[in-house]
Amino acid sequence: MWRAVSSLKSDGHVRWFFWCGVIFLLLWMLLVQWHKVNEGAEQARVKLLAQTMSRSASAIRQQWELENKPSHSQTNGIEYSFTRYGWPIIIRNEHIDCAEMWDLLSSRQASIDYITLIDKKKVRSERYNSCYFQITDGKWLALFYENETIHTNGFLTLPE
């Protein structure tokens, strides 16, 4: 009789250990998959934001052409001028005002935040500085002008 009770307790421990192992394995698999999904979502967010900024700049440029190429304009209380090819640009103290450019181009409906802003003078433009916005940890978006034309680029590392 003692063996029967002992084997029932042993079976209960084995079942408990088995179910704990199954639950731990499922949680581990969910955590791994969540990391993959989250990484893909962050990459998609940076790519979508770069596309939004490019589309906003294109829409402003089209409006510039429709309005017979004015030297400056205003949208949502943000004043800006244009490059000689009609791309919007905000210059303060002989540098691009990166924060204002972000507000102008990132979203028309709601403000989108960035973590850090770095502006640097790069060789791609002898006239303008480049703007680098940290979107999430390790994900950056670049805004720069090359040959008087605006460019945006999403990438994964800190700019050198």
N, C-alpha and C. Protein backbone atom coordinates (compact mmCIF):
# COMPACT_ATOMS: atom_id res chain seq x y z
N MET A 1 0.81 -1.18 0.00
CA MET A 1 0.00 0.00 0.00
C MET A 1 0.87 1.27 0.00
N TRP A 2 1.93 1.20 0.77
CA TRP A 2 2.84 2.35 0.82
C TRP A 2 3.43 2.63 -0.55
N ARG A 3 3.73 1.57 -1.31
CA ARG A 3 4.27 1.74 -2.66
C ARG A 3 3.24 2.40 -3.59
N ALA A 4 1.99 2.05 -3.46
CA ALA A 4 0.94 2.64 -4.29
C ALA A 4 0.82 4.13 -4.03
N VAL A 5 0.84 4.53 -2.76
CA VAL A 5 0.76 5.95 -2.41
C VAL A 5 2.02 6.66 -2.91
N SER A 6 3.16 6.03 -2.73
CA SER A 6 4.43 6.62 -3.18
C SER A 6 4.45 6.78 -4.69
N SER A 7 3.96 5.79 -5.43
CA SER A 7 3.97 5.91 -6.89
C SER A 7 2.97 6.95 -7.37
N LEU A 8 1.84 7.14 -6.65
CA LEU A 8 0.89 8.19 -7.00
C LEU A 8 1.52 9.57 -6.80
N LYS A 9 2.26 9.75 -5.72
CA LYS A 9 2.94 11.03 -5.48
C LYS A 9 4.00 11.25 -6.56
N SER A 10 4.71 10.19 -6.91
CA SER A 10 5.74 10.28 -7.94
C SER A 10 5.13 10.62 -9.29
N ASP A 11 4.00 10.01 -9.62
CA ASP A 11 3.31 10.33 -10.88
C ASP A 11 2.83 11.78 -10.89
N GLY A 12 2.37 12.27 -9.75
CA GLY A 12 1.94 13.67 -9.64
C GLY A 12 3.10 14.61 -9.87
N HIS A 13 4.26 14.30 -9.34
CA HIS A 13 5.45 15.14 -9.54
C HIS A 13 5.89 15.12 -10.99
N VAL A 14 5.82 13.95 -11.63
CA VAL A 14 6.21 13.85 -13.04
C VAL A 14 5.25 14.65 -13.91
N ARG A 15 3.97 14.55 -13.64
CA ARG A 15 3.00 15.34 -14.40
C ARG A 15 3.23 16.84 -14.20
N TRP A 16 3.42 17.23 -12.95
CA TRP A 16 3.66 18.64 -12.65
C TRP A 16 4.92 19.13 -13.37
N PHE A 17 5.99 18.35 -13.33
CA PHE A 17 7.24 18.70 -14.01
C PHE A 17 7.03 18.77 -15.53
N PHE A 18 6.28 17.81 -16.08
CA PHE A 18 6.00 17.79 -17.51
C PHE A 18 5.23 19.04 -17.93
N TRP A 19 4.15 19.39 -17.21
CA TRP A 19 3.36 20.56 -17.58
C TRP A 19 4.14 21.86 -17.40
N CYS A 20 4.94 21.96 -16.39
CA CYS A 20 5.80 23.14 -16.22
C CYS A 20 6.78 23.27 -17.38
N GLY A 21 7.32 22.14 -17.81
CA GLY A 21 8.23 22.14 -18.96
C GLY A 21 7.54 22.58 -20.24
N VAL A 22 6.33 22.09 -20.46
CA VAL A 22 5.57 22.46 -21.65
C VAL A 22 5.24 23.96 -21.63
N ILE A 23 4.81 24.45 -20.48
CA ILE A 23 4.48 25.88 -20.37
C ILE A 23 5.73 26.73 -20.57
N PHE A 24 6.84 26.33 -19.98
CA PHE A 24 8.10 27.07 -20.16
C PHE A 24 8.51 27.08 -21.63
N LEU A 25 8.40 25.95 -22.31
CA LEU A 25 8.75 25.86 -23.73
C LEU A 25 7.85 26.76 -24.57
N LEU A 26 6.56 26.77 -24.30
CA LEU A 26 5.63 27.65 -25.04
C LEU A 26 5.95 29.13 -24.80
N LEU A 27 6.22 29.49 -23.56
CA LEU A 27 6.58 30.88 -23.26
C LEU A 27 7.87 31.29 -23.97
N TRP A 28 8.84 30.40 -23.98
CA TRP A 28 10.11 30.69 -24.65
C TRP A 28 9.88 30.88 -26.16
N MET A 29 9.07 30.00 -26.77
CA MET A 29 8.78 30.12 -28.20
C MET A 29 8.04 31.42 -28.50
N LEU A 30 7.09 31.82 -27.65
CA LEU A 30 6.38 33.07 -27.84
C LEU A 30 7.32 34.27 -27.72
N LEU A 31 8.24 34.21 -26.79
CA LEU A 31 9.20 35.29 -26.61
C LEU A 31 10.10 35.44 -27.84
N VAL A 32 10.56 34.33 -28.39
CA VAL A 32 11.41 34.37 -29.59
C VAL A 32 10.62 34.94 -30.77
N GLN A 33 9.41 34.48 -30.96
CA GLN A 33 8.59 34.98 -32.06
C GLN A 33 8.24 36.45 -31.86
N TRP A 34 7.96 36.87 -30.63
CA TRP A 34 7.65 38.27 -30.36
C TRP A 34 8.82 39.16 -30.74
N HIS A 35 10.04 38.71 -30.44
CA HIS A 35 11.23 39.50 -30.79
C HIS A 35 11.33 39.66 -32.31
N LYS A 36 11.08 38.60 -33.06
CA LYS A 36 11.13 38.68 -34.52
C LYS A 36 10.05 39.62 -35.07
N VAL A 37 8.84 39.50 -34.54
CA VAL A 37 7.75 40.35 -35.00
C VAL A 37 8.03 41.81 -34.65
N ASN A 38 8.52 42.06 -33.45
CA ASN A 38 8.82 43.42 -33.01
C ASN A 38 9.93 44.03 -33.86
N GLU A 39 10.96 43.26 -34.19
CA GLU A 39 12.05 43.76 -35.04
C GLU A 39 11.53 44.12 -36.44
N GLY A 40 10.69 43.27 -36.99
CA GLY A 40 10.10 43.56 -38.30
C GLY A 40 9.21 44.80 -38.26
N ALA A 41 8.47 44.98 -37.17
CA ALA A 41 7.61 46.15 -37.05
C ALA A 41 8.44 47.43 -36.95
N GLU A 42 9.56 47.39 -36.23
CA GLU A 42 10.42 48.58 -36.13
C GLU A 42 11.03 48.93 -37.48
N GLN A 43 11.46 47.92 -38.23
CA GLN A 43 12.01 48.19 -39.56
C GLN A 43 10.95 48.78 -40.47
N ALA A 44 9.74 48.24 -40.40
CA ALA A 44 8.65 48.76 -41.22
C ALA A 44 8.31 50.20 -40.83
N ARG A 45 8.37 50.51 -39.54
CA ARG A 45 8.08 51.86 -39.07
C ARG A 45 9.08 52.87 -39.63
N VAL A 46 10.36 52.53 -39.59
CA VAL A 46 11.38 53.44 -40.11
C VAL A 46 11.21 53.63 -41.62
N LYS A 47 10.95 52.54 -42.33
CA LYS A 47 10.76 52.62 -43.78
C LYS A 47 9.53 53.46 -44.12
N LEU A 48 8.44 53.25 -43.40
CA LEU A 48 7.22 54.01 -43.63
C LEU A 48 7.42 55.49 -43.32
N LEU A 49 8.15 55.78 -42.28
CA LEU A 49 8.42 57.18 -41.92
C LEU A 49 9.27 57.87 -42.99
N ALA A 50 10.27 57.16 -43.53
CA ALA A 50 11.08 57.73 -44.61
C ALA A 50 10.22 57.99 -45.84
N GLN A 51 9.31 57.08 -46.16
CA GLN A 51 8.41 57.26 -47.29
C GLN A 51 7.46 58.43 -47.05
N THR A 52 6.96 58.56 -45.83
CA THR A 52 6.06 59.67 -45.49
C THR A 52 6.76 61.00 -45.68
N MET A 53 8.00 61.09 -45.21
CA MET A 53 8.75 62.34 -45.35
C MET A 53 9.00 62.66 -46.82
N SER A 54 9.33 61.66 -47.61
CA SER A 54 9.55 61.88 -49.05
C SER A 54 8.26 62.32 -49.74
N ARG A 55 7.15 61.69 -49.39
CA ARG A 55 5.86 62.07 -49.99
C ARG A 55 5.46 63.49 -49.59
N SER A 56 5.70 63.84 -48.33
CA SER A 56 5.38 65.20 -47.88
C SER A 56 6.21 66.23 -48.65
N ALA A 57 7.50 65.95 -48.81
CA ALA A 57 8.36 66.86 -49.57
C ALA A 57 7.90 66.95 -51.02
N SER A 58 7.52 65.84 -51.60
CA SER A 58 7.02 65.85 -52.99
C SER A 58 5.74 66.64 -53.12
N ALA A 59 4.83 66.49 -52.15
CA ALA A 59 3.57 67.24 -52.19
C ALA A 59 3.83 68.75 -52.09
N ILE A 60 4.77 69.13 -51.23
CA ILE A 60 5.11 70.55 -51.10
C ILE A 60 5.75 71.06 -52.38
N ARG A 61 6.59 70.24 -53.00
CA ARG A 61 7.22 70.63 -54.26
C ARG A 61 6.18 70.80 -55.37
N GLN A 62 5.20 69.91 -55.43
CA GLN A 62 4.14 70.03 -56.43
C GLN A 62 3.33 71.30 -56.20
N GLN A 63 3.07 71.61 -54.94
CA GLN A 63 2.35 72.84 -54.62
C GLN A 63 3.17 74.07 -55.05
N TRP A 64 4.48 73.99 -54.89
CA TRP A 64 5.40 75.06 -55.31
C TRP A 64 5.25 75.33 -56.80
N GLU A 65 5.18 74.25 -57.60
CA GLU A 65 5.01 74.41 -59.04
C GLU A 65 3.63 74.98 -59.38
N LEU A 66 2.59 74.51 -58.69
CA LEU A 66 1.24 75.01 -58.95
C LEU A 66 1.07 76.47 -58.58
N GLU A 67 1.82 76.94 -57.59
CA GLU A 67 1.73 78.33 -57.15
C GLU A 67 2.72 79.24 -57.86
N ASN A 68 3.25 78.78 -58.99
CA ASN A 68 4.17 79.56 -59.82
C ASN A 68 5.52 79.85 -59.13
N LYS A 69 6.03 78.86 -58.41
CA LYS A 69 7.37 78.86 -57.83
C LYS A 69 7.68 80.04 -56.91
N PRO A 70 6.94 80.15 -55.81
CA PRO A 70 7.24 81.24 -54.86
C PRO A 70 8.58 80.98 -54.15
N SER A 71 9.15 82.03 -53.56
CA SER A 71 10.44 81.87 -52.88
C SER A 71 10.28 81.26 -51.49
N HIS A 72 9.09 81.42 -50.87
CA HIS A 72 8.84 80.83 -49.57
C HIS A 72 7.33 80.56 -49.42
N SER A 73 7.00 79.76 -48.41
CA SER A 73 5.60 79.41 -48.18
C SER A 73 5.43 79.06 -46.70
N GLN A 74 4.21 78.64 -46.36
CA GLN A 74 3.90 78.30 -44.98
C GLN A 74 2.88 77.16 -44.96
N THR A 75 3.09 76.19 -44.07
CA THR A 75 2.15 75.09 -43.88
C THR A 75 2.03 74.83 -42.39
N ASN A 76 0.81 74.80 -41.89
CA ASN A 76 0.54 74.54 -40.47
C ASN A 76 1.39 75.43 -39.55
N GLY A 77 1.57 76.67 -39.91
CA GLY A 77 2.33 77.60 -39.09
C GLY A 77 3.84 77.48 -39.22
N ILE A 78 4.32 76.61 -40.10
CA ILE A 78 5.76 76.43 -40.30
C ILE A 78 6.15 77.13 -41.60
N GLU A 79 7.03 78.12 -41.48
CA GLU A 79 7.50 78.84 -42.66
C GLU A 79 8.74 78.15 -43.21
N TYR A 80 8.81 78.08 -44.53
CA TYR A 80 9.95 77.42 -45.18
C TYR A 80 10.20 78.10 -46.52
N SER A 81 11.41 77.89 -47.01
CA SER A 81 11.75 78.36 -48.35
C SER A 81 11.99 77.13 -49.22
N PHE A 82 12.53 77.37 -50.42
CA PHE A 82 12.71 76.27 -51.36
C PHE A 82 14.14 76.27 -51.91
N THR A 83 14.61 75.08 -52.28
CA THR A 83 15.87 75.01 -53.01
C THR A 83 15.59 75.47 -54.44
N ARG A 84 16.60 75.60 -55.25
CA ARG A 84 16.33 76.09 -56.62
C ARG A 84 15.53 75.09 -57.44
N TYR A 85 15.44 73.82 -56.98
CA TYR A 85 14.61 72.83 -57.68
C TYR A 85 13.24 72.66 -57.02
N GLY A 86 12.93 73.49 -56.04
CA GLY A 86 11.60 73.50 -55.47
C GLY A 86 11.38 72.60 -54.27
N TRP A 87 12.43 72.06 -53.68
CA TRP A 87 12.27 71.20 -52.51
C TRP A 87 12.24 72.07 -51.25
N PRO A 88 11.35 71.75 -50.31
CA PRO A 88 11.23 72.58 -49.10
C PRO A 88 12.49 72.49 -48.24
N ILE A 89 12.84 73.62 -47.64
CA ILE A 89 14.01 73.66 -46.77
C ILE A 89 13.82 74.78 -45.75
N ILE A 90 14.23 74.54 -44.53
CA ILE A 90 14.16 75.54 -43.47
C ILE A 90 15.59 75.80 -43.00
N ILE A 91 16.06 77.01 -43.25
CA ILE A 91 17.43 77.40 -42.90
C ILE A 91 17.38 78.38 -41.72
N ARG A 92 18.14 78.09 -40.68
CA ARG A 92 18.33 78.97 -39.54
C ARG A 92 19.83 79.05 -39.27
N ASN A 93 20.38 80.23 -39.19
CA ASN A 93 21.81 80.43 -38.91
C ASN A 93 22.69 79.63 -39.88
N GLU A 94 22.34 79.67 -41.15
CA GLU A 94 23.09 79.03 -42.23
C GLU A 94 23.15 77.51 -42.13
N HIS A 95 22.23 76.90 -41.37
CA HIS A 95 22.12 75.44 -41.27
C HIS A 95 20.66 75.05 -41.40
N ILE A 96 20.44 73.82 -41.82
CA ILE A 96 19.08 73.30 -41.86
C ILE A 96 18.58 73.17 -40.43
N ASP A 97 17.38 73.64 -40.18
CA ASP A 97 16.75 73.47 -38.87
C ASP A 97 16.08 72.09 -38.89
N CYS A 98 16.80 71.12 -38.38
CA CYS A 98 16.35 69.72 -38.46
C CYS A 98 15.03 69.48 -37.73
N ALA A 99 14.88 70.08 -36.56
CA ALA A 99 13.65 69.88 -35.78
C ALA A 99 12.43 70.43 -36.54
N GLU A 100 12.57 71.59 -37.14
CA GLU A 100 11.46 72.17 -37.92
C GLU A 100 11.20 71.34 -39.18
N MET A 101 12.25 70.85 -39.82
CA MET A 101 12.05 69.99 -41.00
C MET A 101 11.30 68.73 -40.61
N TRP A 102 11.62 68.18 -39.44
CA TRP A 102 10.91 67.00 -38.94
C TRP A 102 9.42 67.31 -38.78
N ASP A 103 9.13 68.45 -38.14
CA ASP A 103 7.73 68.83 -37.94
C ASP A 103 7.01 69.05 -39.27
N LEU A 104 7.71 69.60 -40.24
CA LEU A 104 7.11 69.87 -41.53
C LEU A 104 6.82 68.59 -42.32
N LEU A 105 7.74 67.64 -42.29
CA LEU A 105 7.64 66.49 -43.19
C LEU A 105 7.17 65.18 -42.56
N SER A 106 7.27 65.02 -41.24
CA SER A 106 7.03 63.69 -40.67
C SER A 106 5.57 63.27 -40.68
N SER A 107 4.65 64.18 -40.39
CA SER A 107 3.24 63.79 -40.40
C SER A 107 2.37 65.04 -40.43
N ARG A 108 1.30 64.94 -41.16
CA ARG A 108 0.38 66.07 -41.24
C ARG A 108 -0.74 65.96 -40.18
N GLN A 109 -1.05 64.73 -39.73
CA GLN A 109 -2.16 64.56 -38.79
C GLN A 109 -1.71 64.68 -37.33
N ALA A 110 -0.68 63.95 -36.94
CA ALA A 110 -0.26 63.94 -35.53
C ALA A 110 1.26 63.99 -35.46
N SER A 111 1.74 64.62 -34.42
CA SER A 111 3.17 64.74 -34.23
C SER A 111 3.78 63.38 -33.92
N ILE A 112 4.89 63.09 -34.55
CA ILE A 112 5.63 61.85 -34.31
C ILE A 112 6.91 62.24 -33.59
N ASP A 113 7.27 61.48 -32.57
CA ASP A 113 8.46 61.80 -31.79
C ASP A 113 9.67 61.03 -32.27
N TYR A 114 10.83 61.59 -32.03
CA TYR A 114 12.09 60.91 -32.24
C TYR A 114 12.86 60.97 -30.93
N ILE A 115 13.82 60.07 -30.76
CA ILE A 115 14.56 59.99 -29.51
C ILE A 115 15.69 61.02 -29.47
N THR A 116 16.50 61.05 -30.51
CA THR A 116 17.67 61.91 -30.57
C THR A 116 17.77 62.53 -31.96
N LEU A 117 18.35 63.71 -32.02
CA LEU A 117 18.60 64.40 -33.28
C LEU A 117 20.08 64.76 -33.35
N ILE A 118 20.70 64.41 -34.47
CA ILE A 118 22.10 64.78 -34.72
C ILE A 118 22.13 65.46 -36.07
N ASP A 119 22.78 66.62 -36.15
CA ASP A 119 22.99 67.19 -37.48
C ASP A 119 24.49 67.34 -37.72
N LYS A 120 24.88 66.97 -38.92
CA LYS A 120 26.30 66.96 -39.28
C LYS A 120 26.48 67.53 -40.68
N LYS A 121 27.62 68.10 -40.89
CA LYS A 121 28.01 68.52 -42.24
C LYS A 121 28.64 67.31 -42.92
N LYS A 122 28.10 66.92 -44.06
CA LYS A 122 28.59 65.75 -44.79
C LYS A 122 29.08 66.16 -46.16
N VAL A 123 29.86 65.30 -46.79
CA VAL A 123 30.40 65.61 -48.11
C VAL A 123 29.36 65.51 -49.21
N ARG A 124 28.20 64.91 -48.94
CA ARG A 124 27.19 64.76 -49.99
C ARG A 124 26.59 66.09 -50.40
N SER A 125 26.72 67.11 -49.55
CA SER A 125 26.21 68.44 -49.88
C SER A 125 27.21 69.47 -49.39
N GLU A 126 27.74 70.24 -50.30
CA GLU A 126 28.71 71.27 -49.89
C GLU A 126 28.02 72.45 -49.20
N ARG A 127 26.70 72.52 -49.34
CA ARG A 127 25.98 73.67 -48.83
C ARG A 127 25.19 73.42 -47.56
N TYR A 128 24.65 72.21 -47.40
CA TYR A 128 23.72 71.94 -46.30
C TYR A 128 24.25 70.84 -45.38
N ASN A 129 23.83 70.95 -44.11
CA ASN A 129 24.11 69.88 -43.17
C ASN A 129 23.09 68.75 -43.36
N SER A 130 23.39 67.58 -42.82
CA SER A 130 22.47 66.44 -42.87
C SER A 130 21.85 66.26 -41.49
N CYS A 131 20.63 65.76 -41.46
CA CYS A 131 19.91 65.54 -40.21
C CYS A 131 19.73 64.04 -39.99
N TYR A 132 20.02 63.59 -38.77
CA TYR A 132 19.85 62.18 -38.42
C TYR A 132 18.93 62.12 -37.20
N PHE A 133 17.85 61.37 -37.34
CA PHE A 133 16.85 61.23 -36.28
C PHE A 133 16.87 59.79 -35.79
N GLN A 134 17.04 59.60 -34.48
CA GLN A 134 16.95 58.27 -33.90
C GLN A 134 15.48 57.98 -33.62
N ILE A 135 14.95 56.96 -34.29
CA ILE A 135 13.54 56.63 -34.16
C ILE A 135 13.32 55.68 -32.98
N THR A 136 14.07 54.60 -32.94
CA THR A 136 14.07 53.66 -31.82
C THR A 136 15.52 53.30 -31.54
N ASP A 137 15.73 52.47 -30.58
CA ASP A 137 17.09 52.08 -30.21
C ASP A 137 17.77 51.38 -31.38
N GLY A 138 18.77 52.03 -31.96
CA GLY A 138 19.52 51.45 -33.07
C GLY A 138 18.95 51.72 -34.45
N LYS A 139 17.82 52.39 -34.56
CA LYS A 139 17.20 52.67 -35.85
C LYS A 139 17.21 54.17 -36.08
N TRP A 140 17.76 54.58 -37.22
CA TRP A 140 17.92 56.00 -37.54
C TRP A 140 17.28 56.32 -38.88
N LEU A 141 16.93 57.58 -39.06
CA LEU A 141 16.43 58.09 -40.32
C LEU A 141 17.26 59.31 -40.69
N ALA A 142 17.73 59.35 -41.93
CA ALA A 142 18.55 60.48 -42.40
C ALA A 142 17.72 61.35 -43.33
N LEU A 143 17.92 62.66 -43.21
CA LEU A 143 17.33 63.64 -44.11
C LEU A 143 18.49 64.50 -44.60
N PHE A 144 18.67 64.54 -45.91
CA PHE A 144 19.79 65.30 -46.45
C PHE A 144 19.46 65.81 -47.84
N TYR A 145 20.25 66.75 -48.29
CA TYR A 145 20.09 67.34 -49.63
C TYR A 145 21.33 67.00 -50.44
N GLU A 146 21.09 66.58 -51.67
CA GLU A 146 22.16 66.29 -52.61
C GLU A 146 21.77 66.91 -53.93
N ASN A 147 22.63 67.79 -54.46
CA ASN A 147 22.33 68.51 -55.69
C ASN A 147 21.00 69.26 -55.60
N GLU A 148 20.78 69.93 -54.46
CA GLU A 148 19.57 70.73 -54.22
C GLU A 148 18.29 69.90 -54.22
N THR A 149 18.41 68.59 -54.02
CA THR A 149 17.26 67.69 -53.99
C THR A 149 17.24 66.98 -52.64
N ILE A 150 16.06 66.89 -52.03
CA ILE A 150 15.92 66.27 -50.71
C ILE A 150 15.94 64.75 -50.84
N HIS A 151 16.53 64.09 -49.83
CA HIS A 151 16.57 62.62 -49.77
C HIS A 151 16.30 62.20 -48.33
N THR A 152 15.63 61.05 -48.17
CA THR A 152 15.45 60.44 -46.85
C THR A 152 15.91 59.00 -46.95
N ASN A 153 16.41 58.49 -45.83
CA ASN A 153 16.92 57.14 -45.81
C ASN A 153 16.79 56.58 -44.40
N GLY A 154 16.20 55.41 -44.28
CA GLY A 154 16.12 54.72 -42.99
C GLY A 154 17.22 53.69 -42.91
N PHE A 155 17.89 53.58 -41.76
CA PHE A 155 18.98 52.63 -41.60
C PHE A 155 19.07 52.21 -40.14
N LEU A 156 19.98 51.29 -39.83
CA LEU A 156 19.97 50.65 -38.53
C LEU A 156 21.09 51.04 -37.58
N THR A 157 22.06 51.84 -38.01
CA THR A 157 23.18 52.13 -37.12
C THR A 157 23.36 53.63 -36.99
N LEU A 158 24.10 54.00 -35.95
CA LEU A 158 24.39 55.40 -35.70
C LEU A 158 25.27 55.95 -36.82
N PRO A 159 24.95 57.15 -37.33
CA PRO A 159 25.78 57.74 -38.39
C PRO A 159 27.18 58.06 -37.89
N GLU A 160 28.16 57.81 -38.70
CA GLU A 160 29.57 58.10 -38.34
C GLU A 160 29.86 59.56 -38.55
